[in-house]
Each structure stands twice: as structure tokens, then as C-alpha cells.
């Protein structure tokens, strides 16, 4: 039976402000990418999400990013490799404290936003992320785009490299994500998102923004938690996957 993990970005708030419906999404997803304070999240939020995830048996992952609270981690930045590696390790370590206090652990790492897109092609920045993970824990899987420099370097360093796909993002013919600033980069047709999810899980393919078939074979499927109607859409995706005979389970 085909198996797929469902992950979502959670804990994306700060103080009294909350972007994601963490409680409801944690009843649907199998892996939680928890913001570690650099693009969103604070100590209280990280603790709360870890406690909720642990109570519901959802795997906890560290979503690391550039230090960019004002830009939500989506602005391009040039960070020296040694500094980036240290900041990646710092974020993982911060989340690990709260995960362990909740009776769980950080089980994987996923870059966020601009950092995620940068390490698809940038060898130096990708190597810095890998170095940061090795500094924090030499066994943590890295979640990223299939064919990316990040996953290649992770595998070479002995880290599990886990490919993921995006149900609600448009793809280029090269298999990368269409930049968010372009029209149609984020899909809003919920029916299309649901059916794309099944296609990705079962056949490992999706139609690009230009109409070409793209190979997106992945072990995890990302459902964004910051889009309108995210919770209901996530429920529909999981229900449709299970109806199609896909086993939904965490990869880590």
C-alpha cells in the first residue's frame, strides 16, 4: 500500500498573534513543522504546540529559517555559512527543550520560506543547513524538495533525505515551486488541491504551471496552515487519500 505523510507549518504566531489553527490541524496531520522563533513562534507558542502534538501522537519537526520575523522568513537574505549553521542548530536546540518536556523529541528538520527555496540550488547555503543539523543531532532527517542540493548534501552527510511535495503550490517544468509573487503560485481551488494530493501520492506526478507533467515522488505532502479554509481542506485531503487506498502515516 502506498504511504504518505501529511505535514503542516504550525506555531506560526508571536505573542497574542496567531496565524495557524494549530489545535485543529493537529487532528489531521501526521507531522508538525514547528516554527522555532526566527520567522515566527516564541517560547510559549513552541511549548504549547509541542504539548498538543505529543498528546495527539503527531511527529514534531523543527522548521528552521533565516532570522526574519518582520518578513516571515520569506525575504532573500545572505547569511555567512558558519553563522547560518549555528542559527540552524540553535533553532533545533530550542525546540528540542519543549519537545522533550512534552515527552517527545524533535524528529526531523525542514527549512522555511526563503531558506527552503534557496537551498534547492545554492550549494553553500544548503551545506550550511546540513552542518547545522549535524551540529544539533547527527541523525535527524531533512525534509526538502526532490532533486534539491539540500537533499543531495544531506544524503552525502549520512542524514536521511526525505522528499516532499506541495498540494497547493504550482510547479515549474523543472520541478521547483513557482515563486509566491507570481500569479497562480498558490492554488485556491480546493477540489483541484484534493485531487492533486491523490495524484502525487499514488503516481508521483503533477501537472506544472505550464501544463507539463512533473515528477514529484515524495514521502511527505505539505498542507499549508496559513491559507483560508486550511483545516477543512486538510481534512478533505486526508479523507480522499484514505478513500483512494493511501496509508497516511508519519515518515519519522
Protein backbone atom coordinates (compact mmCIF):
# COMPACT_ATOMS: atom_id res chain seq x y z
CA UNK A 1 0.00 0.00 0.00
CA UNK A 2 1.22 3.50 -0.82
CA UNK A 3 2.05 5.55 2.27
CA UNK A 4 2.27 9.33 2.63
CA UNK A 5 2.97 11.69 5.49
CA UNK A 6 0.95 14.88 5.86
CA UNK A 7 2.91 17.81 7.26
CA UNK A 8 1.87 21.37 8.05
CA UNK A 9 3.64 24.51 9.28
CA UNK A 10 2.44 25.16 12.82
CA UNK A 11 3.19 27.51 15.69
CA UNK A 12 3.32 30.42 13.27
CA UNK A 13 2.36 33.13 15.71
CA UNK A 14 4.04 35.53 18.09
CA UNK A 15 2.72 36.63 21.47
CA UNK A 16 -1.03 37.20 21.18
CA UNK A 17 -0.99 36.95 17.38
CA UNK A 18 -1.74 33.53 15.81
CA UNK A 19 -1.70 32.67 12.13
CA UNK A 20 -2.35 28.94 12.16
CA UNK A 21 -5.13 26.90 13.79
CA UNK A 22 -2.71 24.55 15.49
CA UNK A 23 -5.25 22.64 17.56
CA UNK A 24 -7.45 21.70 14.59
CA UNK A 25 -4.61 20.96 12.17
CA UNK A 26 -3.00 18.64 14.70
CA UNK A 27 -6.10 16.47 14.49
CA UNK A 28 -5.41 15.91 10.78
CA UNK A 29 -1.67 15.96 10.01
CA UNK A 30 0.89 13.35 10.97
CA UNK A 31 3.91 15.68 11.18
CA UNK A 32 4.13 19.22 12.58
CA UNK A 33 6.74 21.67 11.27
CA UNK A 34 7.03 23.92 14.32
CA UNK A 35 8.31 27.47 13.89
CA UNK A 36 11.40 27.96 16.08
CA UNK A 37 11.31 31.70 16.70
CA UNK A 38 13.25 33.04 13.71
CA UNK A 39 10.39 33.59 11.23
CA UNK A 40 7.55 33.09 13.71
CA UNK A 41 6.92 31.47 17.06
CA UNK A 42 8.01 32.25 20.59
CA UNK A 43 8.83 30.16 23.65
CA UNK A 44 5.23 29.87 24.88
CA UNK A 45 3.92 29.01 21.42
CA UNK A 46 6.60 26.39 20.85
CA UNK A 47 5.83 24.78 24.20
CA UNK A 48 2.08 24.76 23.54
CA UNK A 49 2.38 23.22 20.09
CA UNK A 50 4.81 20.55 21.29
CA UNK A 51 2.46 19.59 24.11
CA UNK A 52 -0.50 19.37 21.73
CA UNK A 53 1.45 17.38 19.16
CA UNK A 54 2.81 14.94 21.73
CA UNK A 55 -0.64 14.39 23.22
CA UNK A 56 -2.04 13.55 19.78
CA UNK A 57 0.84 11.40 18.60
CA UNK A 58 1.92 13.84 15.90
CA UNK A 59 5.62 13.83 15.00
CA UNK A 60 7.45 17.08 15.81
CA UNK A 61 9.84 18.69 13.34
CA UNK A 62 11.91 21.88 13.61
CA UNK A 63 11.07 24.41 10.93
CA UNK A 64 14.23 26.48 10.70
CA UNK A 65 14.59 29.75 8.80
CA UNK A 66 16.56 32.89 8.28
CA UNK A 67 16.35 35.35 11.18
CA UNK A 68 13.50 37.39 9.69
CA UNK A 69 10.48 37.92 11.95
CA UNK A 70 9.40 41.07 10.12
CA UNK A 71 9.39 39.33 6.74
CA UNK A 72 8.03 35.99 7.99
CA UNK A 73 11.19 34.33 6.71
CA UNK A 74 10.23 34.92 3.10
CA UNK A 75 12.77 37.62 2.25
CA UNK A 76 16.00 36.69 0.49
CA UNK A 77 18.99 37.06 2.81
CA UNK A 78 22.73 36.44 2.56
CA UNK A 79 23.94 34.82 5.76
CA UNK A 80 27.55 33.62 6.15
CA UNK A 81 27.64 29.80 6.18
CA UNK A 82 29.13 29.45 9.66
CA UNK A 83 26.54 31.84 11.08
CA UNK A 84 23.68 30.05 9.31
CA UNK A 85 24.85 26.64 10.57
CA UNK A 86 24.95 27.95 14.13
CA UNK A 87 21.50 29.51 13.82
CA UNK A 88 20.01 26.29 12.41
CA UNK A 89 21.47 24.32 15.34
CA UNK A 90 20.21 26.98 17.77
CA UNK A 91 16.64 26.69 16.48
CA UNK A 92 16.65 22.90 16.66
CA UNK A 93 18.00 23.01 20.20
CA UNK A 94 15.37 25.48 21.34
CA UNK A 95 12.53 23.32 20.06
CA UNK A 96 14.09 20.16 21.47
CA UNK A 97 13.75 21.54 25.01
CA UNK A 98 9.99 21.85 24.64
CA UNK A 99 9.58 18.60 22.72
CA UNK A 100 11.36 16.63 25.44
CA UNK A 101 9.40 18.39 28.18
CA UNK A 102 6.25 17.18 26.42
CA UNK A 103 7.55 13.61 26.37
CA UNK A 104 8.54 13.65 22.70
CA UNK A 105 11.55 14.74 20.64
CA UNK A 106 12.43 16.69 17.52
CA UNK A 107 12.32 14.01 14.83
CA UNK A 108 13.25 15.92 11.65
CA UNK A 109 14.17 19.34 10.25
CA UNK A 110 12.57 21.37 7.46
CA UNK A 111 13.73 24.79 6.20
CA UNK A 112 11.12 27.51 5.79
CA UNK A 113 10.35 30.13 3.17
CA UNK A 114 13.29 31.88 1.55
CA UNK A 115 15.74 29.42 3.07
CA UNK A 116 13.76 26.46 1.69
CA UNK A 117 13.86 27.90 -1.82
CA UNK A 118 17.50 28.98 -1.55
CA UNK A 119 18.83 25.54 -0.66
CA UNK A 120 17.23 23.99 -3.73
CA UNK A 121 20.10 25.35 -5.85
CA UNK A 122 22.59 27.11 -3.53
CA UNK A 123 25.33 24.65 -2.59
CA UNK A 124 26.87 26.85 0.09
CA UNK A 125 23.66 27.63 1.93
CA UNK A 126 22.49 24.02 1.64
CA UNK A 127 25.77 22.81 3.12
CA UNK A 128 25.37 25.27 6.00
CA UNK A 129 21.91 23.89 6.81
CA UNK A 130 23.29 20.34 6.77
CA UNK A 131 26.17 21.44 9.02
CA UNK A 132 23.67 22.98 11.44
CA UNK A 133 21.67 19.76 11.62
CA UNK A 134 24.84 17.74 12.19
CA UNK A 135 25.85 20.15 14.95
CA UNK A 136 22.50 19.71 16.69
CA UNK A 137 21.96 16.00 16.07
CA UNK A 138 23.78 13.83 13.55
CA UNK A 139 20.80 11.61 12.81
CA UNK A 140 17.87 13.94 12.10
CA UNK A 141 16.16 13.57 8.69
CA UNK A 142 15.96 16.63 6.44
CA UNK A 143 12.74 17.34 4.61
CA UNK A 144 13.04 19.16 1.28
CA UNK A 145 12.28 19.41 -2.42
CA UNK A 146 13.14 16.36 -4.57
CA UNK A 147 16.33 16.92 -6.53
CA UNK A 148 17.46 19.79 -4.32
CA UNK A 149 21.06 20.44 -3.32
CA UNK A 150 19.88 20.19 0.29
CA UNK A 151 18.73 16.59 0.00
CA UNK A 152 21.80 15.61 -2.02
CA UNK A 153 24.19 17.02 0.58
CA UNK A 154 22.13 15.59 3.43
CA UNK A 155 22.38 12.10 1.96
CA UNK A 156 26.12 12.52 1.40
CA UNK A 157 26.50 13.50 5.07
CA UNK A 158 24.64 10.39 6.21
CA UNK A 159 21.39 12.14 7.11
CA UNK A 160 18.06 10.69 5.94
CA UNK A 161 16.91 12.83 2.99
CA UNK A 162 13.11 12.93 2.75
CA UNK A 163 11.47 14.38 -0.39
CA UNK A 164 8.21 16.29 -0.07
CA UNK A 165 5.55 17.66 -2.40
CA UNK A 166 3.13 20.58 -2.10
CA UNK A 167 -0.56 20.07 -2.69
CA UNK A 168 -1.45 23.75 -3.00
CA UNK A 169 1.59 25.19 -4.79
CA UNK A 170 2.18 25.49 -8.53
CA UNK A 171 5.26 23.83 -10.01
CA UNK A 172 7.61 24.90 -12.79
CA UNK A 173 8.58 22.49 -15.57
CA UNK A 174 11.85 21.94 -13.69
CA UNK A 175 10.06 20.67 -10.58
CA UNK A 176 10.64 23.77 -8.45
CA UNK A 177 7.91 25.87 -6.85
CA UNK A 178 6.55 28.86 -8.71
CA UNK A 179 7.61 31.95 -6.67
CA UNK A 180 4.83 33.25 -4.45
CA UNK A 181 4.94 36.67 -6.11
CA UNK A 182 3.70 35.24 -9.41
CA UNK A 183 0.04 34.82 -10.30
CA UNK A 184 -1.21 31.30 -9.70
CA UNK A 185 1.67 30.32 -7.42
CA UNK A 186 -0.75 29.28 -4.67
CA UNK A 187 -3.73 27.15 -5.71
CA UNK A 188 -7.09 28.21 -4.31
CA UNK A 189 -9.38 25.62 -5.96
CA UNK A 190 -9.91 23.17 -3.10
CA UNK A 191 -11.22 20.40 -5.37
CA UNK A 192 -8.08 20.64 -7.50
CA UNK A 193 -5.85 20.56 -4.43
CA UNK A 194 -7.57 17.42 -3.15
CA UNK A 195 -7.23 15.57 -6.46
CA UNK A 196 -3.61 16.71 -6.90
CA UNK A 197 -2.85 15.26 -3.49
CA UNK A 198 -4.06 11.83 -4.56
CA UNK A 199 -2.15 12.01 -7.84
CA UNK A 200 1.05 13.00 -6.05
CA UNK A 201 0.71 10.19 -3.51
CA UNK A 202 -0.22 7.44 -5.95
CA UNK A 203 1.63 8.29 -9.17
CA UNK A 204 4.27 10.77 -8.02
CA UNK A 205 3.38 13.22 -10.75
CA UNK A 206 1.72 16.61 -11.08
CA UNK A 207 0.99 18.98 -13.95
CA UNK A 208 3.21 22.06 -13.97
CA UNK A 209 2.02 25.66 -14.23
CA UNK A 210 2.78 25.46 -17.96
CA UNK A 211 0.91 22.18 -18.43
CA UNK A 212 3.78 19.68 -18.46
CA UNK A 213 3.96 16.52 -16.32
CA UNK A 214 6.47 16.81 -13.46
CA UNK A 215 7.95 14.04 -11.31
CA UNK A 216 7.26 14.87 -7.65
CA UNK A 217 7.63 11.48 -5.98
CA UNK A 218 7.64 12.24 -2.27
CA UNK A 219 7.28 10.64 1.14
CA UNK A 220 5.59 13.68 2.67
CA UNK A 221 2.90 16.06 1.46
CA UNK A 222 2.80 19.63 2.76
CA UNK A 223 -0.52 21.30 3.56
CA UNK A 224 -0.11 24.99 4.31
CA UNK A 225 -1.80 26.08 7.51
CA UNK A 226 -1.83 29.81 6.73
CA UNK A 227 -4.30 29.70 3.83
CA UNK A 228 -8.04 30.41 4.21
CA UNK A 229 -10.01 27.25 5.00
CA UNK A 230 -6.81 25.32 5.73
CA UNK A 231 -8.32 23.00 8.33
CA UNK A 232 -11.28 21.86 6.24
CA UNK A 233 -9.05 21.45 3.19
CA UNK A 234 -6.62 19.31 5.21
CA UNK A 235 -9.50 17.13 6.38
CA UNK A 236 -10.72 16.67 2.81
CA UNK A 237 -7.24 15.78 1.59
CA UNK A 238 -6.72 13.15 4.28
CA UNK A 239 -10.17 11.66 3.78
CA UNK A 240 -9.69 11.45 0.00
CA UNK A 241 -6.25 9.88 0.35
CA UNK A 242 -7.58 7.19 2.66
CA UNK A 243 -10.52 6.54 0.31
CA UNK A 244 -8.00 6.09 -2.51
CA UNK A 245 -6.17 3.41 -0.53
CA UNK A 246 -3.25 5.57 0.60
CA UNK A 247 -1.98 4.93 4.11
CA UNK A 248 -1.43 8.24 5.93
CA UNK A 249 1.42 7.98 8.42
CA UNK A 250 4.45 9.93 9.63
CA UNK A 251 7.76 9.27 7.88
CA UNK A 252 9.83 9.76 11.05
